[in-house]
Full PDB file with SEQRES, HELIX, SHEET, SSBOND, CRYST1, ORIGX, SCALE, CONECT and MASTER records, all heavy atoms in Angstrom:
SEQRES   1 A   31  THR VAL THR VAL SER VAL ASP GLY ALA THR ARG GLU ILE          
SEQRES   2 A   31  SER THR PHE ALA ARG THR PRO ALA GLN ALA LEU ALA ASP          
SEQRES   3 A   31  ALA GLY VAL ARG VAL                                          
HELIX    1 AA1 PRO A   20  ASP A   26  1                                   7    
SHEET    1 AA1 2 VAL A   2  VAL A   6  0                                        
SHEET    2 AA1 2 ALA A   9  ILE A  13 -1                                        
CRYST1    1.000    1.000    1.000  90.00  90.00  90.00 P 1           1          
ORIGX1      1.000000  0.000000  0.000000        0.00000                         
ORIGX2      0.000000  1.000000  0.000000        0.00000                         
ORIGX3      0.000000  0.000000  1.000000        0.00000                         
SCALE1      1.000000  0.000000  0.000000        0.00000                         
SCALE2      0.000000  1.000000  0.000000        0.00000                         
SCALE3      0.000000  0.000000  1.000000        0.00000                         
ATOM      1  N   THR A   1     -87.350-186.925 137.661  1.00  0.00           N  
ATOM      2  CA  THR A   1     -87.924-186.367 138.885  1.00  0.00           C  
ATOM      3  C   THR A   1     -86.807-185.602 139.587  1.00  0.00           C  
ATOM      4  O   THR A   1     -85.773-186.184 139.942  1.00  0.00           O  
ATOM      5  CB  THR A   1     -88.481-187.465 139.800  1.00  0.00           C  
ATOM      6  OG1 THR A   1     -89.512-188.168 139.108  1.00  0.00           O  
ATOM      7  CG2 THR A   1     -89.045-186.858 141.076  1.00  0.00           C  
ATOM      8  N   VAL A   2     -87.003-184.277 139.741  1.00  0.00           N  
ATOM      9  CA  VAL A   2     -85.963-183.441 140.344  1.00  0.00           C  
ATOM     10  C   VAL A   2     -86.574-182.615 141.468  1.00  0.00           C  
ATOM     11  O   VAL A   2     -87.801-182.452 141.565  1.00  0.00           O  
ATOM     12  CB  VAL A   2     -85.309-182.503 139.315  1.00  0.00           C  
ATOM     13  CG1 VAL A   2     -84.584-183.294 138.248  1.00  0.00           C  
ATOM     14  CG2 VAL A   2     -86.328-181.563 138.704  1.00  0.00           C  
ATOM     15  N   THR A   3     -85.708-182.071 142.341  1.00  0.00           N  
ATOM     16  CA  THR A   3     -86.142-181.213 143.442  1.00  0.00           C  
ATOM     17  C   THR A   3     -85.758-179.777 143.127  1.00  0.00           C  
ATOM     18  O   THR A   3     -84.619-179.497 142.747  1.00  0.00           O  
ATOM     19  CB  THR A   3     -85.494-181.642 144.764  1.00  0.00           C  
ATOM     20  OG1 THR A   3     -85.861-182.998 145.049  1.00  0.00           O  
ATOM     21  CG2 THR A   3     -85.942-180.734 145.905  1.00  0.00           C  
ATOM     22  N   VAL A   4     -86.701-178.869 143.286  1.00  0.00           N  
ATOM     23  CA  VAL A   4     -86.468-177.437 143.049  1.00  0.00           C  
ATOM     24  C   VAL A   4     -86.506-176.729 144.401  1.00  0.00           C  
ATOM     25  O   VAL A   4     -87.484-176.847 145.153  1.00  0.00           O  
ATOM     26  CB  VAL A   4     -87.523-176.839 142.094  1.00  0.00           C  
ATOM     27  CG1 VAL A   4     -87.335-175.317 141.980  1.00  0.00           C  
ATOM     28  CG2 VAL A   4     -87.425-177.495 140.728  1.00  0.00           C  
ATOM     29  N   SER A   5     -85.445-175.991 144.700  1.00  0.00           N  
ATOM     30  CA  SER A   5     -85.361-175.249 145.963  1.00  0.00           C  
ATOM     31  C   SER A   5     -85.198-173.763 145.632  1.00  0.00           C  
ATOM     32  O   SER A   5     -84.235-173.360 144.994  1.00  0.00           O  
ATOM     33  CB  SER A   5     -84.165-175.728 146.797  1.00  0.00           C  
ATOM     34  OG  SER A   5     -84.004-174.904 147.943  1.00  0.00           O  
ATOM     35  N   VAL A   6     -86.177-172.959 146.077  1.00  0.00           N  
ATOM     36  CA  VAL A   6     -86.146-171.508 145.837  1.00  0.00           C  
ATOM     37  C   VAL A   6     -86.070-170.816 147.195  1.00  0.00           C  
ATOM     38  O   VAL A   6     -87.039-170.834 147.960  1.00  0.00           O  
ATOM     39  CB  VAL A   6     -87.375-171.032 145.060  1.00  0.00           C  
ATOM     40  CG1 VAL A   6     -87.310-169.511 144.841  1.00  0.00           C  
ATOM     41  CG2 VAL A   6     -87.473-171.757 143.718  1.00  0.00           C  
ATOM     42  N   ASP A   7     -84.912-170.244 147.502  1.00  0.00           N  
ATOM     43  CA  ASP A   7     -84.694-169.575 148.790  1.00  0.00           C  
ATOM     44  C   ASP A   7     -85.067-170.487 149.964  1.00  0.00           C  
ATOM     45  O   ASP A   7     -85.671-170.051 150.948  1.00  0.00           O  
ATOM     46  CB  ASP A   7     -85.474-168.264 148.872  1.00  0.00           C  
ATOM     47  CG  ASP A   7     -84.820-167.156 148.067  1.00  0.00           C  
ATOM     48  OD1 ASP A   7     -83.612-167.283 147.759  1.00  0.00           O  
ATOM     49  OD2 ASP A   7     -85.498-166.167 147.735  1.00  0.00           O  
ATOM     50  N   GLY A   8     -84.718-171.793 149.821  1.00  0.00           N  
ATOM     51  CA  GLY A   8     -84.956-172.735 150.908  1.00  0.00           C  
ATOM     52  C   GLY A   8     -86.282-173.451 150.853  1.00  0.00           C  
ATOM     53  O   GLY A   8     -86.486-174.437 151.564  1.00  0.00           O  
ATOM     54  N   ALA A   9     -87.225-172.990 150.031  1.00  0.00           N  
ATOM     55  CA  ALA A   9     -88.522-173.655 149.880  1.00  0.00           C  
ATOM     56  C   ALA A   9     -88.383-174.704 148.773  1.00  0.00           C  
ATOM     57  O   ALA A   9     -88.052-174.362 147.629  1.00  0.00           O  
ATOM     58  CB  ALA A   9     -89.610-172.643 149.535  1.00  0.00           C  
ATOM     59  N   THR A  10     -88.614-176.006 149.100  1.00  0.00           N  
ATOM     60  CA  THR A  10     -88.349-177.091 148.144  1.00  0.00           C  
ATOM     61  C   THR A  10     -89.635-177.803 147.747  1.00  0.00           C  
ATOM     62  O   THR A  10     -90.604-177.843 148.512  1.00  0.00           O  
ATOM     63  CB  THR A  10     -87.376-178.114 148.749  1.00  0.00           C  
ATOM     64  OG1 THR A  10     -87.971-178.687 149.925  1.00  0.00           O  
ATOM     65  CG2 THR A  10     -86.058-177.446 149.112  1.00  0.00           C  
ATOM     66  N   ARG A  11     -89.588-178.396 146.543  1.00  0.00           N  
ATOM     67  CA  ARG A  11     -90.676-179.273 146.070  1.00  0.00           C  
ATOM     68  C   ARG A  11     -90.139-180.125 144.922  1.00  0.00           C  
ATOM     69  O   ARG A  11     -89.186-179.715 144.227  1.00  0.00           O  
ATOM     70  CB  ARG A  11     -91.901-178.481 145.625  1.00  0.00           C  
ATOM     71  CG  ARG A  11     -91.673-177.517 144.485  1.00  0.00           C  
ATOM     72  CD  ARG A  11     -92.903-176.636 144.315  1.00  0.00           C  
ATOM     73  NE  ARG A  11     -92.700-175.586 143.329  1.00  0.00           N  
ATOM     74  CZ  ARG A  11     -93.142-175.637 142.071  1.00  0.00           C  
ATOM     75  NH1 ARG A  11     -93.799-176.726 141.634  1.00  0.00           N  
ATOM     76  NH2 ARG A  11     -92.949-174.638 141.243  1.00  0.00           N  
ATOM     77  N   GLU A  12     -90.766-181.290 144.731  1.00  0.00           N  
ATOM     78  CA  GLU A  12     -90.375-182.192 143.649  1.00  0.00           C  
ATOM     79  C   GLU A  12     -91.257-181.943 142.434  1.00  0.00           C  
ATOM     80  O   GLU A  12     -92.446-181.649 142.569  1.00  0.00           O  
ATOM     81  CB  GLU A  12     -90.511-183.659 144.079  1.00  0.00           C  
ATOM     82  CG  GLU A  12     -89.389-184.142 144.972  1.00  0.00           C  
ATOM     83  CD  GLU A  12     -89.434-185.660 145.163  1.00  0.00           C  
ATOM     84  OE1 GLU A  12     -90.432-186.275 144.735  1.00  0.00           O  
ATOM     85  OE2 GLU A  12     -88.480-186.204 145.719  1.00  0.00           O  
ATOM     86  N   ILE A  13     -90.638-182.079 141.258  1.00  0.00           N  
ATOM     87  CA  ILE A  13     -91.408-181.944 140.018  1.00  0.00           C  
ATOM     88  C   ILE A  13     -91.008-183.066 139.073  1.00  0.00           C  
ATOM     89  O   ILE A  13     -89.903-183.618 139.164  1.00  0.00           O  
ATOM     90  CB  ILE A  13     -91.171-180.580 139.333  1.00  0.00           C  
ATOM     91  CG1 ILE A  13     -89.709-180.455 138.861  1.00  0.00           C  
ATOM     92  CG2 ILE A  13     -91.529-179.415 140.253  1.00  0.00           C  
ATOM     93  CD1 ILE A  13     -89.481-179.271 137.916  1.00  0.00           C  
ATOM     94  N   SER A  14     -91.903-183.408 138.180  1.00  0.00           N  
ATOM     95  CA  SER A  14     -91.609-184.354 137.098  1.00  0.00           C  
ATOM     96  C   SER A  14     -91.462-183.550 135.825  1.00  0.00           C  
ATOM     97  O   SER A  14     -92.298-182.674 135.534  1.00  0.00           O  
ATOM     98  CB  SER A  14     -92.737-185.380 136.950  1.00  0.00           C  
ATOM     99  OG  SER A  14     -92.818-186.183 138.097  1.00  0.00           O  
ATOM    100  N   THR A  15     -90.407-183.831 135.059  1.00  0.00           N  
ATOM    101  CA  THR A  15     -90.124-182.993 133.901  1.00  0.00           C  
ATOM    102  C   THR A  15     -89.394-183.793 132.840  1.00  0.00           C  
ATOM    103  O   THR A  15     -88.760-184.811 133.129  1.00  0.00           O  
ATOM    104  CB  THR A  15     -89.266-181.778 134.326  1.00  0.00           C  
ATOM    105  OG1 THR A  15     -89.002-180.994 133.166  1.00  0.00           O  
ATOM    106  CG2 THR A  15     -87.957-182.189 134.951  1.00  0.00           C  
ATOM    107  N   PHE A  16     -89.514-183.335 131.625  1.00  0.00           N  
ATOM    108  CA  PHE A  16     -88.733-183.873 130.512  1.00  0.00           C  
ATOM    109  C   PHE A  16     -87.583-182.925 130.161  1.00  0.00           C  
ATOM    110  O   PHE A  16     -86.944-183.063 129.127  1.00  0.00           O  
ATOM    111  CB  PHE A  16     -89.629-184.070 129.275  1.00  0.00           C  
ATOM    112  CG  PHE A  16     -90.630-185.178 129.429  1.00  0.00           C  
ATOM    113  CD1 PHE A  16     -91.924-184.912 129.851  1.00  0.00           C  
ATOM    114  CD2 PHE A  16     -90.275-186.493 129.160  1.00  0.00           C  
ATOM    115  CE1 PHE A  16     -92.845-185.921 129.989  1.00  0.00           C  
ATOM    116  CE2 PHE A  16     -91.197-187.516 129.293  1.00  0.00           C  
ATOM    117  CZ  PHE A  16     -92.493-187.235 129.718  1.00  0.00           C  
ATOM    118  N   ALA A  17     -87.322-181.913 131.027  1.00  0.00           N  
ATOM    119  CA  ALA A  17     -86.305-180.893 130.746  1.00  0.00           C  
ATOM    120  C   ALA A  17     -84.921-181.513 130.652  1.00  0.00           C  
ATOM    121  O   ALA A  17     -84.600-182.479 131.348  1.00  0.00           O  
ATOM    122  CB  ALA A  17     -86.328-179.824 131.834  1.00  0.00           C  
ATOM    123  N   ARG A  18     -84.095-180.925 129.805  1.00  0.00           N  
ATOM    124  CA  ARG A  18     -82.719-181.386 129.650  1.00  0.00           C  
ATOM    125  C   ARG A  18     -81.760-180.561 130.508  1.00  0.00           C  
ATOM    126  O   ARG A  18     -80.657-181.007 130.789  1.00  0.00           O  
ATOM    127  CB  ARG A  18     -82.301-181.297 128.178  1.00  0.00           C  
ATOM    128  CG  ARG A  18     -83.057-182.248 127.258  1.00  0.00           C  
ATOM    129  CD  ARG A  18     -82.621-182.032 125.804  1.00  0.00           C  
ATOM    130  NE  ARG A  18     -83.288-182.975 124.909  1.00  0.00           N  
ATOM    131  CZ  ARG A  18     -82.836-184.201 124.627  1.00  0.00           C  
ATOM    132  NH1 ARG A  18     -81.704-184.609 125.161  1.00  0.00           N  
ATOM    133  NH2 ARG A  18     -83.500-184.997 123.807  1.00  0.00           N  
ATOM    134  N   THR A  19     -82.162-179.283 130.906  1.00  0.00           N  
ATOM    135  CA  THR A  19     -81.266-178.410 131.670  1.00  0.00           C  
ATOM    136  C   THR A  19     -82.011-177.876 132.895  1.00  0.00           C  
ATOM    137  O   THR A  19     -83.247-177.863 132.932  1.00  0.00           O  
ATOM    138  CB  THR A  19     -80.805-177.209 130.822  1.00  0.00           C  
ATOM    139  OG1 THR A  19     -81.941-176.400 130.501  1.00  0.00           O  
ATOM    140  CG2 THR A  19     -80.113-177.672 129.546  1.00  0.00           C  
ATOM    141  N   PRO A  20     -81.293-177.409 133.920  1.00  0.00           N  
ATOM    142  CA  PRO A  20     -81.954-176.793 135.079  1.00  0.00           C  
ATOM    143  C   PRO A  20     -82.818-175.603 134.703  1.00  0.00           C  
ATOM    144  O   PRO A  20     -83.874-175.387 135.301  1.00  0.00           O  
ATOM    145  CB  PRO A  20     -80.773-176.380 135.964  1.00  0.00           C  
ATOM    146  CG  PRO A  20     -79.688-177.350 135.626  1.00  0.00           C  
ATOM    147  CD  PRO A  20     -79.832-177.589 134.159  1.00  0.00           C  
ATOM    148  N   ALA A  21     -82.394-174.819 133.725  1.00  0.00           N  
ATOM    149  CA  ALA A  21     -83.186-173.660 133.318  1.00  0.00           C  
ATOM    150  C   ALA A  21     -84.548-174.095 132.805  1.00  0.00           C  
ATOM    151  O   ALA A  21     -85.580-173.490 133.134  1.00  0.00           O  
ATOM    152  CB  ALA A  21     -82.432-172.860 132.253  1.00  0.00           C  
ATOM    153  N   GLN A  22     -84.577-175.217 131.977  1.00  0.00           N  
ATOM    154  CA  GLN A  22     -85.847-175.710 131.465  1.00  0.00           C  
ATOM    155  C   GLN A  22     -86.713-176.275 132.581  1.00  0.00           C  
ATOM    156  O   GLN A  22     -87.929-176.096 132.598  1.00  0.00           O  
ATOM    157  CB  GLN A  22     -85.581-176.774 130.394  1.00  0.00           C  
ATOM    158  CG  GLN A  22     -84.922-176.229 129.133  1.00  0.00           C  
ATOM    159  CD  GLN A  22     -84.523-177.336 128.163  1.00  0.00           C  
ATOM    160  OE1 GLN A  22     -84.529-178.521 128.502  1.00  0.00           O  
ATOM    161  NE2 GLN A  22     -84.140-176.945 126.931  1.00  0.00           N  
ATOM    162  N   ALA A  23     -86.087-176.913 133.555  1.00  0.00           N  
ATOM    163  CA  ALA A  23     -86.844-177.483 134.671  1.00  0.00           C  
ATOM    164  C   ALA A  23     -87.475-176.378 135.520  1.00  0.00           C  
ATOM    165  O   ALA A  23     -88.624-176.490 135.961  1.00  0.00           O  
ATOM    166  CB  ALA A  23     -85.921-178.358 135.529  1.00  0.00           C  
ATOM    167  N   LEU A  24     -86.736-175.297 135.779  1.00  0.00           N  
ATOM    168  CA  LEU A  24     -87.300-174.174 136.553  1.00  0.00           C  
ATOM    169  C   LEU A  24     -88.465-173.555 135.802  1.00  0.00           C  
ATOM    170  O   LEU A  24     -89.473-173.157 136.398  1.00  0.00           O  
ATOM    171  CB  LEU A  24     -86.217-173.128 136.825  1.00  0.00           C  
ATOM    172  CG  LEU A  24     -85.138-173.541 137.826  1.00  0.00           C  
ATOM    173  CD1 LEU A  24     -84.016-172.502 137.868  1.00  0.00           C  
ATOM    174  CD2 LEU A  24     -85.734-173.705 139.232  1.00  0.00           C  
ATOM    175  N   ALA A  25     -88.344-173.457 134.475  1.00  0.00           N  
ATOM    176  CA  ALA A  25     -89.439-172.915 133.680  1.00  0.00           C  
ATOM    177  C   ALA A  25     -90.660-173.826 133.773  1.00  0.00           C  
ATOM    178  O   ALA A  25     -91.804-173.356 133.899  1.00  0.00           O  
ATOM    179  CB  ALA A  25     -88.997-172.739 132.228  1.00  0.00           C  
ATOM    180  N   ASP A  26     -90.444-175.154 133.729  1.00  0.00           N  
ATOM    181  CA  ASP A  26     -91.554-176.098 133.870  1.00  0.00           C  
ATOM    182  C   ASP A  26     -92.221-175.954 135.237  1.00  0.00           C  
ATOM    183  O   ASP A  26     -93.431-176.166 135.374  1.00  0.00           O  
ATOM    184  CB  ASP A  26     -91.062-177.542 133.680  1.00  0.00           C  
ATOM    185  CG  ASP A  26     -90.702-177.839 132.223  1.00  0.00           C  
ATOM    186  OD1 ASP A  26     -91.083-177.024 131.351  1.00  0.00           O  
ATOM    187  OD2 ASP A  26     -90.038-178.860 131.982  1.00  0.00           O  
ATOM    188  N   ALA A  27     -91.413-175.592 136.261  1.00  0.00           N  
ATOM    189  CA  ALA A  27     -91.951-175.452 137.616  1.00  0.00           C  
ATOM    190  C   ALA A  27     -92.607-174.096 137.837  1.00  0.00           C  
ATOM    191  O   ALA A  27     -93.108-173.803 138.932  1.00  0.00           O  
ATOM    192  CB  ALA A  27     -90.838-175.658 138.636  1.00  0.00           C  
ATOM    193  N   GLY A  28     -92.588-173.232 136.806  1.00  0.00           N  
ATOM    194  CA  GLY A  28     -93.199-171.909 136.935  1.00  0.00           C  
ATOM    195  C   GLY A  28     -92.347-170.929 137.715  1.00  0.00           C  
ATOM    196  O   GLY A  28     -92.866-169.937 138.239  1.00  0.00           O  
ATOM    197  N   VAL A  29     -91.046-171.186 137.795  1.00  0.00           N  
ATOM    198  CA  VAL A  29     -90.138-170.310 138.538  1.00  0.00           C  
ATOM    199  C   VAL A  29     -89.421-169.412 137.542  1.00  0.00           C  
ATOM    200  O   VAL A  29     -88.753-169.894 136.623  1.00  0.00           O  
ATOM    201  CB  VAL A  29     -89.109-171.125 139.356  1.00  0.00           C  
ATOM    202  CG1 VAL A  29     -88.152-170.176 140.064  1.00  0.00           C  
ATOM    203  CG2 VAL A  29     -89.828-172.015 140.354  1.00  0.00           C  
ATOM    204  N   ARG A  30     -89.559-168.100 137.740  1.00  0.00           N  
ATOM    205  CA  ARG A  30     -88.892-167.140 136.863  1.00  0.00           C  
ATOM    206  C   ARG A  30     -87.538-166.780 137.458  1.00  0.00           C  
ATOM    207  O   ARG A  30     -87.438-166.413 138.619  1.00  0.00           O  
ATOM    208  CB  ARG A  30     -89.740-165.889 136.697  1.00  0.00           C  
ATOM    209  CG  ARG A  30     -89.176-164.905 135.701  1.00  0.00           C  
ATOM    210  CD  ARG A  30     -90.130-163.754 135.482  1.00  0.00           C  
ATOM    211  NE  ARG A  30     -89.613-162.788 134.540  1.00  0.00           N  
ATOM    212  CZ  ARG A  30     -90.262-161.713 134.141  1.00  0.00           C  
ATOM    213  NH1 ARG A  30     -91.475-161.473 134.636  1.00  0.00           N  
ATOM    214  NH2 ARG A  30     -89.720-160.877 133.267  1.00  0.00           N  
ATOM    215  N   VAL A  31     -86.506-166.863 136.638  1.00  0.00           N  
ATOM    216  CA  VAL A  31     -85.148-166.584 137.096  1.00  0.00           C  
ATOM    217  C   VAL A  31     -84.784-165.155 136.723  1.00  0.00           C  
ATOM    218  O   VAL A  31     -84.825-164.773 135.555  1.00  0.00           O  
ATOM    219  CB  VAL A  31     -84.140-167.569 136.471  1.00  0.00           C  
ATOM    220  CG1 VAL A  31     -82.731-167.272 136.988  1.00  0.00           C  
ATOM    221  CG2 VAL A  31     -84.539-169.002 136.777  1.00  0.00           C  
TER     222      VAL A  31                                                      
MASTER        0    0    0    1    2    0    0    6  221    1    0    3          
END                                                                             
């Protein structure tokens, strides 16, 4: 369970990701 903050807007997500890049992708955030 991690917190994703995009330009100050935050939310928690549950993920099996091993890296932050994978977690952002799981959260639907394009980098």
